């Protein structure tokens, strides 16, 4: 158990950040999954939304920039390859 005030505060901060990061990752996973499954004219809009969320996650420190770049690249490749 933490003894100092700063350690107690750090535990509170870490818990808030953990929950925020978990929610963000969950939202990203769902959006990327929807982007992969999307078809037709709405596909581009869903892919752009997924890319926007990935960029936002990188700026907030939830995802590493290379992870987001890899996911964005895969989505873009699938978008271009789709008939």
Protein backbone atom coordinates (compact mmCIF):
# COMPACT_ATOMS: atom_id res chain seq x y z
CA UNK A 1 0.00 0.00 0.00
CA UNK A 2 1.22 3.49 -0.83
CA UNK A 3 2.41 5.61 2.10
CA UNK A 4 3.05 9.05 0.69
CA UNK A 5 0.49 11.53 -0.57
CA UNK A 6 2.18 11.67 -3.96
CA UNK A 7 2.07 7.88 -4.32
CA UNK A 8 -1.62 7.82 -3.40
CA UNK A 9 -2.32 10.54 -5.96
CA UNK A 10 -0.30 8.66 -8.58
CA UNK A 11 -2.42 5.55 -7.99
CA UNK A 12 -5.60 7.59 -8.56
CA UNK A 13 -4.19 9.12 -11.73
CA UNK A 14 -3.06 5.77 -13.10
CA UNK A 15 -6.49 4.24 -12.52
CA UNK A 16 -8.26 7.10 -14.32
CA UNK A 17 -5.84 6.86 -17.23
CA UNK A 18 -6.15 3.07 -17.39
CA UNK A 19 -9.93 3.30 -17.69
CA UNK A 20 -9.73 6.09 -20.28
CA UNK A 21 -7.17 4.15 -22.35
CA UNK A 22 -9.24 0.98 -22.14
CA UNK A 23 -12.35 2.78 -23.37
CA UNK A 24 -10.41 4.39 -26.22
CA UNK A 25 -8.85 1.08 -27.31
CA UNK A 26 -12.25 -0.61 -27.22
CA UNK A 27 -13.77 2.13 -29.37
CA UNK A 28 -10.88 1.85 -31.83
CA UNK A 29 -11.23 -1.92 -32.09
CA UNK A 30 -14.94 -1.64 -32.84
CA UNK A 31 -14.48 1.09 -35.42
CA UNK A 32 -11.64 -0.73 -37.19
CA UNK A 33 -13.73 -3.90 -37.25
CA UNK A 34 -16.67 -1.96 -38.73
CA UNK A 35 -14.35 -0.40 -41.32
CA UNK A 36 -13.14 -3.84 -42.40
CA UNK A 37 -16.70 -5.15 -42.69
CA UNK A 38 -18.18 -2.06 -44.39
CA UNK A 39 -19.20 -2.28 -48.01
CA UNK A 40 -20.44 0.05 -50.69
CA UNK A 41 -20.35 3.81 -50.66
CA UNK A 42 -20.28 4.11 -46.86
CA UNK A 43 -17.00 2.22 -46.71
CA UNK A 44 -14.79 5.26 -47.29
CA UNK A 45 -16.54 7.27 -44.58
CA UNK A 46 -16.16 4.47 -42.02
CA UNK A 47 -12.47 4.05 -42.90
CA UNK A 48 -11.89 7.78 -42.51
CA UNK A 49 -13.58 7.70 -39.10
CA UNK A 50 -11.34 4.80 -38.03
CA UNK A 51 -8.25 6.68 -39.21
CA UNK A 52 -9.38 9.78 -37.30
CA UNK A 53 -9.76 7.75 -34.11
CA UNK A 54 -6.35 6.13 -34.58
CA UNK A 55 -4.71 9.54 -34.99
CA UNK A 56 -6.51 10.80 -31.89
CA UNK A 57 -5.32 7.80 -29.88
CA UNK A 58 -1.72 8.48 -30.90
CA UNK A 59 -1.97 12.14 -29.88
CA UNK A 60 -3.34 11.12 -26.47
CA UNK A 61 -0.67 8.46 -25.96
CA UNK A 62 -3.05 5.49 -26.04
CA UNK A 63 -1.37 3.87 -29.06
CA UNK A 64 2.18 3.95 -30.36
CA UNK A 65 2.46 5.88 -33.61
CA UNK A 66 3.81 2.89 -35.54
CA UNK A 67 0.90 0.72 -34.40
CA UNK A 68 -1.58 3.31 -35.62
CA UNK A 69 0.34 3.74 -38.90
CA UNK A 70 0.24 -0.02 -39.47
CA UNK A 71 -3.51 -0.18 -38.85
CA UNK A 72 -4.18 2.86 -41.06
CA UNK A 73 -2.09 1.40 -43.86
CA UNK A 74 -3.95 -1.90 -43.70
CA UNK A 75 -7.31 -0.12 -43.83
CA UNK A 76 -6.20 2.01 -46.78
CA UNK A 77 -4.95 -1.05 -48.66
CA UNK A 78 -8.25 -2.83 -48.13
CA UNK A 79 -10.17 0.28 -49.25
CA UNK A 80 -8.21 0.58 -52.48
CA UNK A 81 -8.36 -3.16 -53.22
CA UNK A 82 -12.13 -3.36 -52.68
CA UNK A 83 -14.20 -3.45 -55.86
